Amino acid sequence: MRFSFLRSFIITTVTVVFSCLAVNAATLTEKVAAGENPSLGFATAVPWGYPGENGEPLGFVNAIALTILEEMGINEVDTSVNEWAGLIPGLNAGRYDVITGGMYILKSRCENIDFSDPIGYFGDAMMVPAGNPKGINNYEDVVSTGATLVTGIGFNTVEAAKKYGVPDSQMLLVDGEVGILAAMNAGRADVAVHTVFSVQEHVEISGGKFEQSDATKMPKEVMNVVGIGFRKSDSDFKAAFNEAMAKVKGGDKWMSSTAEYGYTAAQLPPPDFTTAYACANK
């Protein structure tokens, strides 16, 4: 009798475990087909992606993602706001289904997640104190002046700075956009580097304390394309997403939904700057 109970308990436990695994292993396509909302994961990075007062997804990357999802017949989403450095681990852990935070498509990231076709074409810029007292306009200037450069943990600019010779001793890594601005305001860094949109935003709110350095002196190799991130197991959903994107990219709804965030036709990605190219070369 005791053996029968134990055997029944083991069978029940194993069944529950495998049932949970089956649920967790559901693809995004299966989840949506079952009537569940896809969840968008992003950090607070104005104007790329950030939460509104009620947690609603704002920013031009979220606007583009919502436009594409609506083309797919998906009109409701959930949101998950995270630290930038945790976006990829969170996606792969199943805490949300899609990354809409405005990630550049980089070789190192392509090893861990899949990206949609590019949704935008962007470059990086540097922010310095007003008057640019150290004359810093690029990574070479950072090295030669011995300046302290601040950027975000997990940002593409970490790899770029190292590529152009900035030593660890001259780099200050912080959590996201808020941390970058705080470091500059506190005088812990001489120069910040991140996306041109973020630099423009920080300069605007600084009240004249900071300015953007000469972006034409930045290396051309810092130009990148942004994609929407998916788990590698959701390749079928990504394919459907790309198909829907092709129908609306650059159209009236796409452009009107992003205009308030500063996204213009100049940000539409060149046809030859594909996800495959970025994954292989960036």
C-alpha atoms as a PDB file:
ATOM      1  CA  MET A   1       0.000   0.000   0.000  1.00  0.00           C
ATOM      2  CA  ARG A   2       2.854   2.370   0.901  1.00  0.00           C
ATOM      3  CA  PHE A   3       4.658   1.456  -2.349  1.00  0.00           C
ATOM      4  CA  SER A   4       1.516   2.174  -4.367  1.00  0.00           C
ATOM      5  CA  PHE A   5       1.216   5.608  -2.746  1.00  0.00           C
ATOM      6  CA  LEU A   6       4.870   6.381  -3.390  1.00  0.00           C
ATOM      7  CA  ARG A   7       4.636   5.203  -6.983  1.00  0.00           C
ATOM      8  CA  SER A   8       1.500   7.307  -7.519  1.00  0.00           C
ATOM      9  CA  PHE A   9       3.224  10.348  -5.957  1.00  0.00           C
ATOM     10  CA  ILE A  10       6.257   9.966  -8.245  1.00  0.00           C
ATOM     11  CA  ILE A  11       4.117   9.591 -11.355  1.00  0.00           C
ATOM     12  CA  THR A  12       2.026  12.624 -10.409  1.00  0.00           C
ATOM     13  CA  THR A  13       5.106  14.720  -9.658  1.00  0.00           C
ATOM     14  CA  VAL A  14       6.788  13.795 -12.931  1.00  0.00           C
ATOM     15  CA  THR A  15       3.585  14.571 -14.847  1.00  0.00           C
ATOM     16  CA  VAL A  16       3.313  18.016 -13.203  1.00  0.00           C
ATOM     17  CA  VAL A  17       6.976  18.800 -13.921  1.00  0.00           C
ATOM     18  CA  PHE A  18       6.706  17.835 -17.583  1.00  0.00           C
ATOM     19  CA  SER A  19       3.432  19.745 -17.896  1.00  0.00           C
ATOM     20  CA  CYS A  20       5.142  22.878 -16.536  1.00  0.00           C
ATOM     21  CA  LEU A  21       8.045  22.391 -18.923  1.00  0.00           C
ATOM     22  CA  ALA A  22       5.613  22.053 -21.818  1.00  0.00           C
ATOM     23  CA  VAL A  23       3.931  25.326 -20.865  1.00  0.00           C
ATOM     24  CA  ASN A  24       7.258  27.114 -20.493  1.00  0.00           C
ATOM     25  CA  ALA A  25       8.432  25.741 -23.821  1.00  0.00           C
ATOM     26  CA  ALA A  26       5.509  27.265 -25.727  1.00  0.00           C
ATOM     27  CA  THR A  27       6.708  29.439 -28.575  1.00  0.00           C
ATOM     28  CA  LEU A  28       5.538  33.005 -29.028  1.00  0.00           C
ATOM     29  CA  THR A  29       3.445  31.937 -32.009  1.00  0.00           C
ATOM     30  CA  GLU A  30       1.697  29.343 -29.817  1.00  0.00           C
ATOM     31  CA  LYS A  31       1.255  31.843 -27.003  1.00  0.00           C
ATOM     32  CA  VAL A  32      -0.428  34.395 -29.277  1.00  0.00           C
ATOM     33  CA  ALA A  33      -2.555  31.684 -30.894  1.00  0.00           C
ATOM     34  CA  ALA A  34      -3.771  30.749 -27.400  1.00  0.00           C
ATOM     35  CA  GLY A  35      -5.011  34.313 -26.906  1.00  0.00           C
ATOM     36  CA  GLU A  36      -2.194  35.602 -24.693  1.00  0.00           C
ATOM     37  CA  ASN A  37      -0.653  39.025 -25.187  1.00  0.00           C
ATOM     38  CA  PRO A  38       3.012  39.233 -26.200  1.00  0.00           C
ATOM     39  CA  SER A  39       5.133  41.042 -23.623  1.00  0.00           C
ATOM     40  CA  LEU A  40       7.500  43.831 -24.655  1.00  0.00           C
ATOM     41  CA  GLY A  41      10.737  44.271 -22.710  1.00  0.00           C
ATOM     42  CA  PHE A  42      12.585  47.590 -22.717  1.00  0.00           C
ATOM     43  CA  ALA A  43      14.651  49.891 -20.525  1.00  0.00           C
ATOM     44  CA  THR A  44      14.067  53.570 -19.835  1.00  0.00           C
ATOM     45  CA  ALA A  45      15.909  55.171 -22.759  1.00  0.00           C
ATOM     46  CA  VAL A  46      14.277  58.313 -24.131  1.00  0.00           C
ATOM     47  CA  PRO A  47      13.301  58.601 -26.973  1.00  0.00           C
ATOM     48  CA  TRP A  48      13.929  54.960 -27.949  1.00  0.00           C
ATOM     49  CA  GLY A  49      11.707  53.116 -25.505  1.00  0.00           C
ATOM     50  CA  TYR A  50      10.367  54.041 -22.095  1.00  0.00           C
ATOM     51  CA  PRO A  51       7.234  53.634 -19.952  1.00  0.00           C
ATOM     52  CA  GLY A  52       4.454  56.177 -19.650  1.00  0.00           C
ATOM     53  CA  GLU A  53       2.729  57.086 -16.395  1.00  0.00           C
ATOM     54  CA  ASN A  54       0.652  53.920 -16.540  1.00  0.00           C
ATOM     55  CA  GLY A  55       3.414  51.695 -17.877  1.00  0.00           C
ATOM     56  CA  GLU A  56       2.342  52.096 -21.496  1.00  0.00           C
ATOM     57  CA  PRO A  57       5.118  51.580 -24.092  1.00  0.00           C
ATOM     58  CA  LEU A  58       6.372  54.937 -25.376  1.00  0.00           C
ATOM     59  CA  GLY A  59       9.323  55.850 -27.616  1.00  0.00           C
ATOM     60  CA  PHE A  60       9.806  55.365 -31.345  1.00  0.00           C
ATOM     61  CA  VAL A  61      11.013  51.739 -31.167  1.00  0.00           C
ATOM     62  CA  ASN A  62       7.893  50.770 -29.235  1.00  0.00           C
ATOM     63  CA  ALA A  63       5.771  52.771 -31.697  1.00  0.00           C
ATOM     64  CA  ILE A  64       7.290  50.874 -34.620  1.00  0.00           C
ATOM     65  CA  ALA A  65       6.871  47.515 -32.881  1.00  0.00           C
ATOM     66  CA  LEU A  66       3.213  48.254 -32.120  1.00  0.00           C
ATOM     67  CA  THR A  67       2.607  49.296 -35.736  1.00  0.00           C
ATOM     68  CA  ILE A  68       4.040  46.011 -36.987  1.00  0.00           C
ATOM     69  CA  LEU A  69       2.162  43.922 -34.421  1.00  0.00           C
ATOM     70  CA  GLU A  70      -1.090  45.646 -35.392  1.00  0.00           C
ATOM     71  CA  GLU A  71      -0.376  44.702 -39.020  1.00  0.00           C
ATOM     72  CA  MET A  72      -0.147  41.108 -37.729  1.00  0.00           C
ATOM     73  CA  GLY A  73      -3.534  41.482 -36.028  1.00  0.00           C
ATOM     74  CA  ILE A  74      -2.110  41.837 -32.518  1.00  0.00           C
ATOM     75  CA  ASN A  75      -3.629  44.882 -30.810  1.00  0.00           C
ATOM     76  CA  GLU A  76      -2.832  44.331 -27.149  1.00  0.00           C
ATOM     77  CA  VAL A  77       0.529  43.856 -25.436  1.00  0.00           C
ATOM     78  CA  ASP A  78       1.974  43.621 -21.941  1.00  0.00           C
ATOM     79  CA  THR A  79       5.101  45.522 -20.923  1.00  0.00           C
ATOM     80  CA  SER A  80       8.138  44.828 -18.770  1.00  0.00           C
ATOM     81  CA  VAL A  81      10.567  47.630 -17.848  1.00  0.00           C
ATOM     82  CA  ASN A  82      14.093  46.485 -17.022  1.00  0.00           C
ATOM     83  CA  GLU A  83      17.700  47.606 -16.649  1.00  0.00           C
ATOM     84  CA  TRP A  84      19.413  47.728 -20.046  1.00  0.00           C
ATOM     85  CA  ALA A  85      22.062  45.133 -19.147  1.00  0.00           C
ATOM     86  CA  GLY A  86      19.363  42.640 -18.168  1.00  0.00           C
ATOM     87  CA  LEU A  87      17.282  42.812 -21.349  1.00  0.00           C
ATOM     88  CA  ILE A  88      18.865  39.882 -23.198  1.00  0.00           C
ATOM     89  CA  PRO A  89      19.089  37.593 -20.125  1.00  0.00           C
ATOM     90  CA  GLY A  90      15.479  38.451 -19.290  1.00  0.00           C
ATOM     91  CA  LEU A  91      14.296  37.612 -22.795  1.00  0.00           C
ATOM     92  CA  ASN A  92      16.027  34.232 -22.768  1.00  0.00           C
ATOM     93  CA  ALA A  93      14.693  33.543 -19.278  1.00  0.00           C
ATOM     94  CA  GLY A  94      11.142  34.034 -20.577  1.00  0.00           C
ATOM     95  CA  ARG A  95      10.316  37.113 -18.510  1.00  0.00           C
ATOM     96  CA  TYR A  96       9.030  38.795 -21.689  1.00  0.00           C
ATOM     97  CA  ASP A  97       8.776  37.864 -25.362  1.00  0.00           C
ATOM     98  CA  VAL A  98      10.245  40.719 -27.401  1.00  0.00           C
ATOM     99  CA  ILE A  99      12.966  43.323 -26.808  1.00  0.00           C
ATOM    100  CA  THR A 100      11.905  46.753 -28.068  1.00  0.00           C
ATOM    101  CA  GLY A 101      14.507  48.805 -26.226  1.00  0.00           C
ATOM    102  CA  GLY A 102      16.368  50.058 -29.297  1.00  0.00           C
ATOM    103  CA  MET A 103      19.247  47.580 -29.505  1.00  0.00           C
ATOM    104  CA  TYR A 104      21.902  47.885 -32.164  1.00  0.00           C
ATOM    105  CA  ILE A 105      22.343  44.641 -34.069  1.00  0.00           C
ATOM    106  CA  LEU A 106      25.823  43.448 -33.068  1.00  0.00           C
ATOM    107  CA  LYS A 107      27.686  40.197 -33.642  1.00  0.00           C
ATOM    108  CA  SER A 108      27.993  39.593 -29.900  1.00  0.00           C
ATOM    109  CA  ARG A 109      24.246  40.032 -29.414  1.00  0.00           C
ATOM    110  CA  CYS A 110      23.366  37.897 -32.431  1.00  0.00           C
ATOM    111  CA  GLU A 111      25.060  34.986 -30.678  1.00  0.00           C
ATOM    112  CA  ASN A 112      22.433  35.111 -27.930  1.00  0.00           C
ATOM    113  CA  ILE A 113      19.219  36.311 -29.598  1.00  0.00           C
ATOM    114  CA  ASP A 114      17.703  36.814 -33.049  1.00  0.00           C
ATOM    115  CA  PHE A 115      16.906  40.210 -34.508  1.00  0.00           C
ATOM    116  CA  SER A 116      14.185  41.334 -36.886  1.00  0.00           C
ATOM    117  CA  ASP A 117      15.022  43.170 -40.066  1.00  0.00           C
ATOM    118  CA  PRO A 118      16.441  46.624 -39.228  1.00  0.00           C
ATOM    119  CA  ILE A 119      13.938  49.276 -38.138  1.00  0.00           C
ATOM    120  CA  GLY A 120      16.351  52.216 -38.059  1.00  0.00           C
ATOM    121  CA  TYR A 121      19.822  53.526 -38.902  1.00  0.00           C
ATOM    122  CA  PHE A 122      21.718  55.453 -36.220  1.00  0.00           C
ATOM    123  CA  GLY A 123      25.079  56.675 -35.022  1.00  0.00           C
ATOM    124  CA  ASP A 124      26.707  57.464 -31.699  1.00  0.00           C
ATOM    125  CA  ALA A 125      27.755  60.843 -30.363  1.00  0.00           C
ATOM    126  CA  MET A 126      29.696  62.290 -27.464  1.00  0.00           C
ATOM    127  CA  MET A 127      28.508  64.708 -24.804  1.00  0.00           C
ATOM    128  CA  VAL A 128      30.967  67.084 -23.158  1.00  0.00           C
ATOM    129  CA  PRO A 129      30.816  70.098 -20.816  1.00  0.00           C
ATOM    130  CA  ALA A 130      29.794  73.324 -22.547  1.00  0.00           C
ATOM    131  CA  GLY A 131      32.684  74.759 -24.539  1.00  0.00           C
ATOM    132  CA  ASN A 132      34.294  71.308 -24.836  1.00  0.00           C
ATOM    133  CA  PRO A 133      37.287  72.328 -22.658  1.00  0.00           C
ATOM    134  CA  LYS A 134      39.301  69.191 -23.400  1.00  0.00           C
ATOM    135  CA  GLY A 135      38.551  69.252 -27.138  1.00  0.00           C
ATOM    136  CA  ILE A 136      37.107  65.735 -27.206  1.00  0.00           C
ATOM    137  CA  ASN A 137      35.263  64.673 -30.371  1.00  0.00           C
ATOM    138  CA  ASN A 138      36.105  60.967 -30.686  1.00  0.00           C
ATOM    139  CA  TYR A 139      37.717  57.987 -28.963  1.00  0.00           C
ATOM    140  CA  GLU A 140      41.230  58.999 -30.032  1.00  0.00           C
ATOM    141  CA  ASP A 141      40.748  62.308 -28.225  1.00  0.00           C
ATOM    142  CA  VAL A 142      39.643  60.439 -25.088  1.00  0.00           C
ATOM    143  CA  VAL A 143      42.863  58.412 -25.113  1.00  0.00           C
ATOM    144  CA  SER A 144      45.183  61.326 -25.867  1.00  0.00           C
ATOM    145  CA  THR A 145      43.710  63.604 -23.188  1.00  0.00           C
ATOM    146  CA  GLY A 146      43.470  60.942 -20.494  1.00  0.00           C
ATOM    147  CA  ALA A 147      39.789  61.816 -20.044  1.00  0.00           C
ATOM    148  CA  THR A 148      37.326  59.598 -18.205  1.00  0.00           C
ATOM    149  CA  LEU A 149      34.637  58.283 -20.546  1.00  0.00           C
ATOM    150  CA  VAL A 150      31.267  57.197 -19.174  1.00  0.00           C
ATOM    151  CA  THR A 151      28.851  54.907 -20.971  1.00  0.00           C
ATOM    152  CA  GLY A 152      26.274  52.244 -20.128  1.00  0.00           C
ATOM    153  CA  ILE A 153      26.848  48.654 -19.073  1.00  0.00           C
ATOM    154  CA  GLY A 154      25.996  46.462 -22.065  1.00  0.00           C
ATOM    155  CA  PHE A 155      25.942  49.394 -24.513  1.00  0.00           C
ATOM    156  CA  ASN A 156      27.585  48.909 -27.923  1.00  0.00           C
ATOM    157  CA  THR A 157      29.808  51.865 -27.043  1.00  0.00           C
ATOM    158  CA  VAL A 158      31.763  49.710 -24.582  1.00  0.00           C
ATOM    159  CA  GLU A 159      33.019  47.524 -27.437  1.00  0.00           C
ATOM    160  CA  ALA A 160      33.577  50.557 -29.680  1.00  0.00           C
ATOM    161  CA  ALA A 161      35.656  52.378 -27.057  1.00  0.00           C
ATOM    162  CA  LYS A 162      37.871  49.349 -26.522  1.00  0.00           C
ATOM    163  CA  LYS A 163      38.230  48.869 -30.281  1.00  0.00           C
ATOM    164  CA  TYR A 164      39.591  52.394 -30.610  1.00  0.00           C
ATOM    165  CA  GLY A 165      42.036  51.977 -27.747  1.00  0.00           C
ATOM    166  CA  VAL A 166      40.308  53.436 -24.687  1.00  0.00           C
ATOM    167  CA  PRO A 167      41.777  51.541 -21.701  1.00  0.00           C
ATOM    168  CA  ASP A 168      39.626  50.223 -18.859  1.00  0.00           C
ATOM    169  CA  SER A 169      41.290  52.734 -16.556  1.00  0.00           C
ATOM    170  CA  GLN A 170      39.635  55.575 -18.516  1.00  0.00           C
ATOM    171  CA  MET A 171      36.167  54.002 -18.678  1.00  0.00           C
ATOM    172  CA  LEU A 172      33.329  54.396 -16.206  1.00  0.00           C
ATOM    173  CA  LEU A 173      30.464  51.947 -16.761  1.00  0.00           C
ATOM    174  CA  VAL A 174      27.081  52.734 -15.228  1.00  0.00           C
ATOM    175  CA  ASP A 175      23.470  51.567 -15.449  1.00  0.00           C
ATOM    176  CA  GLY A 176      21.788  53.073 -18.504  1.00  0.00           C
ATOM    177  CA  GLU A 177      20.944  56.608 -19.535  1.00  0.00           C
ATOM    178  CA  VAL A 178      20.112  57.854 -16.050  1.00  0.00           C
ATOM    179  CA  GLY A 179      23.470  56.676 -14.733  1.00  0.00           C
ATOM    180  CA  ILE A 180      25.344  58.358 -17.596  1.00  0.00           C
ATOM    181  CA  LEU A 181      23.747  61.743 -16.967  1.00  0.00           C
ATOM    182  CA  ALA A 182      24.234  61.413 -13.209  1.00  0.00           C
ATOM    183  CA  ALA A 183      27.947  60.678 -13.673  1.00  0.00           C
ATOM    184  CA  MET A 184      28.404  63.726 -15.887  1.00  0.00           C
ATOM    185  CA  ASN A 185      26.447  65.980 -13.531  1.00  0.00           C
ATOM    186  CA  ALA A 186      28.547  64.799 -10.595  1.00  0.00           C
ATOM    187  CA  GLY A 187      31.801  65.430 -12.458  1.00  0.00           C
ATOM    188  CA  ARG A 188      32.814  61.768 -12.284  1.00  0.00           C
ATOM    189  CA  ALA A 189      33.432  61.730 -16.063  1.00  0.00           C
ATOM    190  CA  ASP A 190      34.746  64.192 -18.643  1.00  0.00           C
ATOM    191  CA  VAL A 191      32.789  62.857 -21.600  1.00  0.00           C
ATOM    192  CA  ALA A 192      29.833  60.570 -22.230  1.00  0.00           C
ATOM    193  CA  VAL A 193      29.175  58.476 -25.316  1.00  0.00           C
ATOM    194  CA  HIS A 194      25.893  56.960 -26.383  1.00  0.00           C
ATOM    195  CA  THR A 195      23.366  57.331 -29.188  1.00  0.00           C
ATOM    196  CA  VAL A 196      22.884  60.667 -30.894  1.00  0.00           C
ATOM    197  CA  PHE A 197      19.236  60.790 -29.757  1.00  0.00           C
ATOM    198  CA  SER A 198      20.187  60.245 -26.135  1.00  0.00           C
ATOM    199  CA  VAL A 199      22.941  62.862 -26.296  1.00  0.00           C
ATOM    200  CA  GLN A 200      20.503  65.382 -27.784  1.00  0.00           C
ATOM    201  CA  GLU A 201      18.011  64.617 -25.018  1.00  0.00           C
ATOM    202  CA  HIS A 202      20.597  65.031 -22.263  1.00  0.00           C
ATOM    203  CA  VAL A 203      21.970  68.243 -23.746  1.00  0.00           C
ATOM    204  CA  GLU A 204      18.462  69.677 -23.963  1.00  0.00           C
ATOM    205  CA  ILE A 205      17.622  69.008 -20.332  1.00  0.00           C
ATOM    206  CA  SER A 206      21.036  70.126 -19.028  1.00  0.00           C
ATOM    207  CA  GLY A 207      20.183  73.821 -19.328  1.00  0.00           C
ATOM    208  CA  GLY A 208      23.390  74.647 -21.161  1.00  0.00           C
ATOM    209  CA  LYS A 209      25.699  72.621 -18.921  1.00  0.00           C
ATOM    210  CA  PHE A 210      26.569  70.145 -21.688  1.00  0.00           C
ATOM    211  CA  GLU A 211      26.853  70.104 -25.468  1.00  0.00           C
ATOM    212  CA  GLN A 212      27.243  67.544 -28.225  1.00  0.00           C
ATOM    213  CA  SER A 213      30.767  67.328 -29.617  1.00  0.00           C
ATOM    214  CA  ASP A 214      31.450  67.375 -33.376  1.00  0.00           C
ATOM    215  CA  ALA A 215      29.756  64.166 -34.556  1.00  0.00           C
ATOM    216  CA  THR A 216      31.420  64.404 -37.981  1.00  0.00           C
ATOM    217  CA  LYS A 217      34.705  63.529 -36.271  1.00  0.00           C
ATOM    218  CA  MET A 218      33.339  60.245 -34.934  1.00  0.00           C
ATOM    219  CA  PRO A 219      34.486  57.118 -36.852  1.00  0.00           C
ATOM    220  CA  LYS A 220      32.083  56.084 -39.610  1.00  0.00           C
ATOM    221  CA  GLU A 221      32.206  52.536 -38.272  1.00  0.00           C
ATOM    222  CA  VAL A 222      30.008  53.600 -35.367  1.00  0.00           C
ATOM    223  CA  MET A 223      26.941  53.724 -37.636  1.00  0.00           C
ATOM    224  CA  ASN A 224      24.569  50.899 -36.750  1.00  0.00           C
ATOM    225  CA  VAL A 225      21.125  49.492 -37.407  1.00  0.00           C
ATOM    226  CA  VAL A 226      18.548  48.710 -34.723  1.00  0.00           C
ATOM    227  CA  GLY A 227      16.347  45.633 -34.644  1.00  0.00           C
ATOM    228  CA  ILE A 228      13.631  44.078 -32.507  1.00  0.00           C
ATOM    229  CA  GLY A 229      14.958  41.171 -30.424  1.00  0.00           C
ATOM    230  CA  PHE A 230      13.471  37.670 -30.246  1.00  0.00           C
ATOM    231  CA  ARG A 231      14.415  34.368 -28.655  1.00  0.00           C
ATOM    232  CA  LYS A 232      16.066  32.015 -31.130  1.00  0.00           C
ATOM    233  CA  SER A 233      13.229  29.555 -30.533  1.00  0.00           C
ATOM    234  CA  ASP A 234      10.734  32.099 -31.949  1.00  0.00           C
ATOM    235  CA  SER A 235      12.086  32.155 -35.506  1.00  0.00           C
ATOM    236  CA  ASP A 236       8.654  31.522 -37.000  1.00  0.00           C
ATOM    237  CA  PHE A 237       7.158  34.532 -35.205  1.00  0.00           C
ATOM    238  CA  LYS A 238      10.141  36.654 -36.232  1.00  0.00           C
ATOM    239  CA  ALA A 239       9.590  35.646 -39.870  1.00  0.00           C
ATOM    240  CA  ALA A 240       5.928  36.707 -39.670  1.00  0.00           C
ATOM    241  CA  PHE A 241       6.990  39.940 -37.965  1.00  0.00           C
ATOM    242  CA  ASN A 242       9.443  40.708 -40.783  1.00  0.00           C
ATOM    243  CA  GLU A 243       6.787  39.973 -43.388  1.00  0.00           C
ATOM    244  CA  ALA A 244       4.406  42.424 -41.720  1.00  0.00           C
ATOM    245  CA  MET A 245       7.176  44.992 -41.360  1.00  0.00           C
ATOM    246  CA  ALA A 246       7.855  44.959 -45.097  1.00  0.00           C
ATOM    247  CA  LYS A 247       4.263  46.087 -45.681  1.00  0.00           C
ATOM    248  CA  VAL A 248       4.390  49.123 -43.380  1.00  0.00           C
ATOM    249  CA  LYS A 249       8.032  50.258 -43.211  1.00  0.00           C
ATOM    250  CA  GLY A 250       8.323  53.953 -44.018  1.00  0.00           C
ATOM    251  CA  GLY A 251       4.567  54.251 -44.561  1.00  0.00           C
ATOM    252  CA  ASP A 252       2.238  56.897 -43.170  1.00  0.00           C
ATOM    253  CA  LYS A 253       1.429  55.057 -39.944  1.00  0.00           C
ATOM    254  CA  TRP A 254       5.073  54.169 -39.334  1.00  0.00           C
ATOM    255  CA  MET A 255       6.257  57.751 -39.803  1.00  0.00           C
ATOM    256  CA  SER A 256       3.369  59.480 -38.031  1.00  0.00           C
ATOM    257  CA  SER A 257       3.693  57.269 -34.942  1.00  0.00           C
ATOM    258  CA  THR A 258       7.405  58.054 -34.591  1.00  0.00           C
ATOM    259  CA  ALA A 259       7.486  61.743 -35.568  1.00  0.00           C
ATOM    260  CA  GLU A 260       7.004  63.058 -32.023  1.00  0.00           C
ATOM    261  CA  TYR A 261      10.158  61.212 -30.955  1.00  0.00           C
ATOM    262  CA  GLY A 262      12.403  62.737 -33.626  1.00  0.00           C
ATOM    263  CA  TYR A 263      12.515  59.736 -35.951  1.00  0.00           C
ATOM    264  CA  THR A 264      12.611  60.889 -39.581  1.00  0.00           C
ATOM    265  CA  ALA A 265      13.097  59.407 -43.048  1.00  0.00           C
ATOM    266  CA  ALA A 266      16.848  59.831 -42.482  1.00  0.00           C
ATOM    267  CA  GLN A 267      16.637  56.989 -39.957  1.00  0.00           C
ATOM    268  CA  LEU A 268      15.154  54.492 -42.423  1.00  0.00           C
ATOM    269  CA  PRO A 269      17.832  51.797 -42.861  1.00  0.00           C
ATOM    270  CA  PRO A 270      19.650  51.416 -46.209  1.00  0.00           C
ATOM    271  CA  PRO A 271      18.573  48.252 -48.082  1.00  0.00           C
ATOM    272  CA  ASP A 272      22.109  46.840 -48.062  1.00  0.00           C
ATOM    273  CA  PHE A 273      22.593  47.247 -44.296  1.00  0.00           C
ATOM    274  CA  THR A 274      20.765  44.032 -43.395  1.00  0.00           C
ATOM    275  CA  THR A 275      20.529  42.077 -40.175  1.00  0.00           C
ATOM    276  CA  ALA A 276      22.770  39.382 -41.660  1.00  0.00           C
ATOM    277  CA  TYR A 277      25.390  42.014 -42.553  1.00  0.00           C
ATOM    278  CA  ALA A 278      25.261  43.582 -39.084  1.00  0.00           C
ATOM    279  CA  CYS A 279      25.494  40.192 -37.337  1.00  0.00           C
ATOM    280  CA  ALA A 280      28.567  39.333 -39.403  1.00  0.00           C
ATOM    281  CA  ASN A 281      30.359  42.687 -39.335  1.00  0.00           C
ATOM    282  CA  LYS A 282      29.332  44.734 -36.300  1.00  0.00           C
END
